[in-house]
């Protein structure tokens, strides 16, 4: 019996030390807290690949024309395609197309150039199945303050 008593005493000391230090809690399994639905949704959205077929439309959306030009070209087509796809994906979005001129020539020439640029963008969008009632044109100036429509600037390229 003396051996058994000394064995118990020798085991009691390390157990008491472990409990005092807090190591006894390490043997207890701890479950991870469950993530909230909002956190899971946010992570799923963060990890999702952006949709290539439905681009985001940021206002103002710029269509750059060549100097003194109001005709569509290889330079104007890629942003126009993006704009047409975006408006098709967002049928509730209306747009105001603001024709801008280059600032050279007479006032009448500049007005004709700005009108031509706005008309070219409008015609392109209507040819790509964007309803005319969703599109408004304006020559020169800025969109009215607080206007909820997408602003499309048909302007000369800046170098």
C-alpha atoms as a PDB file:
ATOM      1  CA  UNK A   1       0.000   0.000   0.000  1.00  0.00           C
ATOM      2  CA  UNK A   2       2.734   2.441   0.621  1.00  0.00           C
ATOM      3  CA  UNK A   3       3.697   2.122  -3.041  1.00  0.00           C
ATOM      4  CA  UNK A   4       0.157   2.797  -4.227  1.00  0.00           C
ATOM      5  CA  UNK A   5      -0.159   5.777  -1.930  1.00  0.00           C
ATOM      6  CA  UNK A   6       3.091   7.237  -3.201  1.00  0.00           C
ATOM      7  CA  UNK A   7       1.976   6.630  -6.826  1.00  0.00           C
ATOM      8  CA  UNK A   8      -1.281   8.492  -6.198  1.00  0.00           C
ATOM      9  CA  UNK A   9       0.600  11.327  -4.542  1.00  0.00           C
ATOM     10  CA  UNK A  10       3.029  11.511  -7.482  1.00  0.00           C
ATOM     11  CA  UNK A  11       0.108  11.718  -9.934  1.00  0.00           C
ATOM     12  CA  UNK A  12      -1.825  14.203  -7.857  1.00  0.00           C
ATOM     13  CA  UNK A  13       0.903  16.813  -7.959  1.00  0.00           C
ATOM     14  CA  UNK A  14       1.161  17.077 -11.796  1.00  0.00           C
ATOM     15  CA  UNK A  15      -2.643  17.070 -12.105  1.00  0.00           C
ATOM     16  CA  UNK A  16      -2.926  19.878  -9.590  1.00  0.00           C
ATOM     17  CA  UNK A  17      -0.256  21.853 -11.412  1.00  0.00           C
ATOM     18  CA  UNK A  18      -1.986  21.320 -14.767  1.00  0.00           C
ATOM     19  CA  UNK A  19      -5.298  22.507 -13.365  1.00  0.00           C
ATOM     20  CA  UNK A  20      -3.635  25.500 -11.774  1.00  0.00           C
ATOM     21  CA  UNK A  21      -1.925  26.490 -15.025  1.00  0.00           C
ATOM     22  CA  UNK A  22      -5.086  25.956 -17.032  1.00  0.00           C
ATOM     23  CA  UNK A  23      -3.870  23.115 -19.173  1.00  0.00           C
ATOM     24  CA  UNK A  24      -6.787  20.947 -18.181  1.00  0.00           C
ATOM     25  CA  UNK A  25      -9.021  23.007 -20.485  1.00  0.00           C
ATOM     26  CA  UNK A  26      -6.926  21.991 -23.519  1.00  0.00           C
ATOM     27  CA  UNK A  27      -8.331  18.500 -23.355  1.00  0.00           C
ATOM     28  CA  UNK A  28     -11.893  19.816 -23.669  1.00  0.00           C
ATOM     29  CA  UNK A  29     -13.072  20.028 -27.313  1.00  0.00           C
ATOM     30  CA  UNK A  30     -14.163  23.527 -28.324  1.00  0.00           C
ATOM     31  CA  UNK A  31     -16.587  24.026 -31.196  1.00  0.00           C
ATOM     32  CA  UNK A  32     -16.252  26.989 -33.551  1.00  0.00           C
ATOM     33  CA  UNK A  33     -19.084  29.480 -33.531  1.00  0.00           C
ATOM     34  CA  UNK A  34     -21.413  29.323 -36.512  1.00  0.00           C
ATOM     35  CA  UNK A  35     -21.133  32.125 -39.067  1.00  0.00           C
ATOM     36  CA  UNK A  36     -24.145  34.326 -39.537  1.00  0.00           C
ATOM     37  CA  UNK A  37     -26.099  34.233 -42.796  1.00  0.00           C
ATOM     38  CA  UNK A  38     -24.910  37.769 -43.583  1.00  0.00           C
ATOM     39  CA  UNK A  39     -21.255  36.749 -43.281  1.00  0.00           C
ATOM     40  CA  UNK A  40     -21.780  33.688 -45.485  1.00  0.00           C
ATOM     41  CA  UNK A  41     -23.600  35.789 -48.109  1.00  0.00           C
ATOM     42  CA  UNK A  42     -20.861  38.424 -48.071  1.00  0.00           C
ATOM     43  CA  UNK A  43     -18.164  35.795 -48.539  1.00  0.00           C
ATOM     44  CA  UNK A  44     -20.087  34.154 -51.376  1.00  0.00           C
ATOM     45  CA  UNK A  45     -20.497  37.520 -53.107  1.00  0.00           C
ATOM     46  CA  UNK A  46     -16.822  38.371 -52.601  1.00  0.00           C
ATOM     47  CA  UNK A  47     -15.683  35.065 -54.066  1.00  0.00           C
ATOM     48  CA  UNK A  48     -18.084  35.088 -57.028  1.00  0.00           C
ATOM     49  CA  UNK A  49     -16.605  35.906 -60.416  1.00  0.00           C
ATOM     50  CA  UNK A  50     -17.909  39.131 -61.952  1.00  0.00           C
ATOM     51  CA  UNK A  51     -20.494  38.621 -64.656  1.00  0.00           C
ATOM     52  CA  UNK A  52     -19.078  39.233 -68.111  1.00  0.00           C
ATOM     53  CA  UNK A  53     -22.497  39.539 -69.697  1.00  0.00           C
ATOM     54  CA  UNK A  54     -23.948  42.249 -67.458  1.00  0.00           C
ATOM     55  CA  UNK A  55     -21.465  45.093 -66.865  1.00  0.00           C
ATOM     56  CA  UNK A  56     -21.849  47.667 -64.138  1.00  0.00           C
ATOM     57  CA  UNK A  57     -22.685  51.136 -65.364  1.00  0.00           C
ATOM     58  CA  UNK A  58     -21.009  54.034 -63.617  1.00  0.00           C
ATOM     59  CA  UNK A  59     -22.150  57.584 -64.191  1.00  0.00           C
ATOM     60  CA  UNK A  60     -20.790  59.485 -66.059  1.00  0.00           C
ATOM     61  CA  UNK A  61     -20.112  56.961 -68.805  1.00  0.00           C
ATOM     62  CA  UNK A  62     -17.755  58.375 -71.438  1.00  0.00           C
ATOM     63  CA  UNK A  63     -17.790  57.714 -75.190  1.00  0.00           C
ATOM     64  CA  UNK A  64     -14.710  59.285 -76.779  1.00  0.00           C
ATOM     65  CA  UNK A  65     -14.916  60.537 -80.364  1.00  0.00           C
ATOM     66  CA  UNK A  66     -12.022  61.646 -82.554  1.00  0.00           C
ATOM     67  CA  UNK A  67     -11.263  65.358 -82.815  1.00  0.00           C
ATOM     68  CA  UNK A  68     -13.978  67.107 -84.807  1.00  0.00           C
ATOM     69  CA  UNK A  69     -15.778  63.811 -85.507  1.00  0.00           C
ATOM     70  CA  UNK A  70     -19.323  62.702 -84.795  1.00  0.00           C
ATOM     71  CA  UNK A  71     -19.166  59.305 -86.495  1.00  0.00           C
ATOM     72  CA  UNK A  72     -18.721  55.976 -84.748  1.00  0.00           C
ATOM     73  CA  UNK A  73     -15.378  54.238 -85.170  1.00  0.00           C
ATOM     74  CA  UNK A  74     -13.281  51.403 -83.781  1.00  0.00           C
ATOM     75  CA  UNK A  75     -12.488  53.659 -80.825  1.00  0.00           C
ATOM     76  CA  UNK A  76     -16.122  54.409 -79.940  1.00  0.00           C
ATOM     77  CA  UNK A  77     -17.512  50.892 -80.470  1.00  0.00           C
ATOM     78  CA  UNK A  78     -16.093  49.002 -77.435  1.00  0.00           C
ATOM     79  CA  UNK A  79     -17.514  51.434 -74.841  1.00  0.00           C
ATOM     80  CA  UNK A  80     -20.780  51.629 -76.801  1.00  0.00           C
ATOM     81  CA  UNK A  81     -21.072  47.827 -76.763  1.00  0.00           C
ATOM     82  CA  UNK A  82     -20.491  47.835 -72.991  1.00  0.00           C
ATOM     83  CA  UNK A  83     -23.095  50.584 -72.570  1.00  0.00           C
ATOM     84  CA  UNK A  84     -25.671  48.750 -74.711  1.00  0.00           C
ATOM     85  CA  UNK A  85     -25.123  45.478 -72.790  1.00  0.00           C
ATOM     86  CA  UNK A  86     -25.383  47.303 -69.460  1.00  0.00           C
ATOM     87  CA  UNK A  87     -28.598  49.090 -70.393  1.00  0.00           C
ATOM     88  CA  UNK A  88     -30.062  45.815 -71.688  1.00  0.00           C
ATOM     89  CA  UNK A  89     -29.219  44.134 -68.363  1.00  0.00           C
ATOM     90  CA  UNK A  90     -30.689  46.993 -66.343  1.00  0.00           C
ATOM     91  CA  UNK A  91     -34.066  47.698 -68.004  1.00  0.00           C
ATOM     92  CA  UNK A  92     -35.060  50.112 -65.228  1.00  0.00           C
ATOM     93  CA  UNK A  93     -32.112  52.411 -66.028  1.00  0.00           C
ATOM     94  CA  UNK A  94     -32.716  55.457 -68.205  1.00  0.00           C
ATOM     95  CA  UNK A  95     -29.880  57.464 -69.752  1.00  0.00           C
ATOM     96  CA  UNK A  96     -29.261  61.055 -70.723  1.00  0.00           C
ATOM     97  CA  UNK A  97     -26.768  61.384 -73.574  1.00  0.00           C
ATOM     98  CA  UNK A  98     -24.936  64.694 -73.436  1.00  0.00           C
ATOM     99  CA  UNK A  99     -23.168  65.669 -76.642  1.00  0.00           C
ATOM    100  CA  UNK A 100     -19.999  67.663 -76.077  1.00  0.00           C
ATOM    101  CA  UNK A 101     -17.887  69.506 -78.644  1.00  0.00           C
ATOM    102  CA  UNK A 102     -14.133  70.038 -78.818  1.00  0.00           C
ATOM    103  CA  UNK A 103     -14.117  73.754 -78.069  1.00  0.00           C
ATOM    104  CA  UNK A 104     -12.735  74.795 -81.475  1.00  0.00           C
ATOM    105  CA  UNK A 105     -14.592  76.638 -84.209  1.00  0.00           C
ATOM    106  CA  UNK A 106     -17.709  78.743 -84.170  1.00  0.00           C
ATOM    107  CA  UNK A 107     -20.493  78.279 -81.675  1.00  0.00           C
ATOM    108  CA  UNK A 108     -22.785  77.006 -84.433  1.00  0.00           C
ATOM    109  CA  UNK A 109     -20.169  74.439 -85.549  1.00  0.00           C
ATOM    110  CA  UNK A 110     -19.709  73.268 -81.984  1.00  0.00           C
ATOM    111  CA  UNK A 111     -23.460  72.853 -81.511  1.00  0.00           C
ATOM    112  CA  UNK A 112     -23.713  70.782 -84.705  1.00  0.00           C
ATOM    113  CA  UNK A 113     -20.780  68.600 -83.579  1.00  0.00           C
ATOM    114  CA  UNK A 114     -22.260  68.067 -80.088  1.00  0.00           C
ATOM    115  CA  UNK A 115     -25.680  67.251 -81.572  1.00  0.00           C
ATOM    116  CA  UNK A 116     -24.109  64.794 -84.026  1.00  0.00           C
ATOM    117  CA  UNK A 117     -22.229  62.977 -81.278  1.00  0.00           C
ATOM    118  CA  UNK A 118     -25.301  62.671 -79.060  1.00  0.00           C
ATOM    119  CA  UNK A 119     -27.371  61.497 -82.035  1.00  0.00           C
ATOM    120  CA  UNK A 120     -24.757  58.881 -83.034  1.00  0.00           C
ATOM    121  CA  UNK A 121     -24.800  57.370 -79.524  1.00  0.00           C
ATOM    122  CA  UNK A 122     -28.604  57.456 -79.363  1.00  0.00           C
ATOM    123  CA  UNK A 123     -28.924  55.797 -82.792  1.00  0.00           C
ATOM    124  CA  UNK A 124     -26.447  53.078 -81.802  1.00  0.00           C
ATOM    125  CA  UNK A 125     -28.327  52.275 -78.590  1.00  0.00           C
ATOM    126  CA  UNK A 126     -31.703  52.210 -80.337  1.00  0.00           C
ATOM    127  CA  UNK A 127     -30.245  49.893 -82.997  1.00  0.00           C
ATOM    128  CA  UNK A 128     -29.249  47.592 -80.119  1.00  0.00           C
ATOM    129  CA  UNK A 129     -32.829  47.344 -78.779  1.00  0.00           C
ATOM    130  CA  UNK A 130     -32.706  50.075 -76.146  1.00  0.00           C
ATOM    131  CA  UNK A 131     -36.154  51.700 -76.077  1.00  0.00           C
ATOM    132  CA  UNK A 132     -36.209  55.355 -77.218  1.00  0.00           C
ATOM    133  CA  UNK A 133     -38.240  56.409 -74.151  1.00  0.00           C
ATOM    134  CA  UNK A 134     -35.289  55.366 -71.954  1.00  0.00           C
ATOM    135  CA  UNK A 135     -32.934  57.736 -73.796  1.00  0.00           C
ATOM    136  CA  UNK A 136     -32.796  61.518 -73.682  1.00  0.00           C
ATOM    137  CA  UNK A 137     -30.389  63.776 -75.563  1.00  0.00           C
ATOM    138  CA  UNK A 138     -28.870  67.056 -74.495  1.00  0.00           C
ATOM    139  CA  UNK A 139     -26.419  69.283 -76.326  1.00  0.00           C
ATOM    140  CA  UNK A 140     -23.588  70.647 -74.187  1.00  0.00           C
ATOM    141  CA  UNK A 141     -23.846  71.347 -70.481  1.00  0.00           C
ATOM    142  CA  UNK A 142     -24.235  68.967 -67.580  1.00  0.00           C
ATOM    143  CA  UNK A 143     -26.988  66.686 -66.355  1.00  0.00           C
ATOM    144  CA  UNK A 144     -29.451  68.353 -63.984  1.00  0.00           C
ATOM    145  CA  UNK A 145     -28.420  68.023 -60.338  1.00  0.00           C
ATOM    146  CA  UNK A 146     -29.997  65.021 -58.649  1.00  0.00           C
ATOM    147  CA  UNK A 147     -30.974  63.425 -61.972  1.00  0.00           C
ATOM    148  CA  UNK A 148     -31.266  59.650 -61.393  1.00  0.00           C
ATOM    149  CA  UNK A 149     -30.524  58.796 -65.032  1.00  0.00           C
ATOM    150  CA  UNK A 150     -27.206  57.403 -66.209  1.00  0.00           C
ATOM    151  CA  UNK A 151     -25.150  60.235 -67.688  1.00  0.00           C
ATOM    152  CA  UNK A 152     -23.460  59.333 -70.985  1.00  0.00           C
ATOM    153  CA  UNK A 153     -20.921  61.855 -72.224  1.00  0.00           C
ATOM    154  CA  UNK A 154     -20.440  61.811 -76.016  1.00  0.00           C
ATOM    155  CA  UNK A 155     -17.255  63.839 -76.075  1.00  0.00           C
ATOM    156  CA  UNK A 156     -13.905  64.314 -77.741  1.00  0.00           C
ATOM    157  CA  UNK A 157     -11.078  62.140 -76.465  1.00  0.00           C
ATOM    158  CA  UNK A 158      -8.728  63.816 -74.010  1.00  0.00           C
ATOM    159  CA  UNK A 159      -5.001  63.384 -74.597  1.00  0.00           C
END
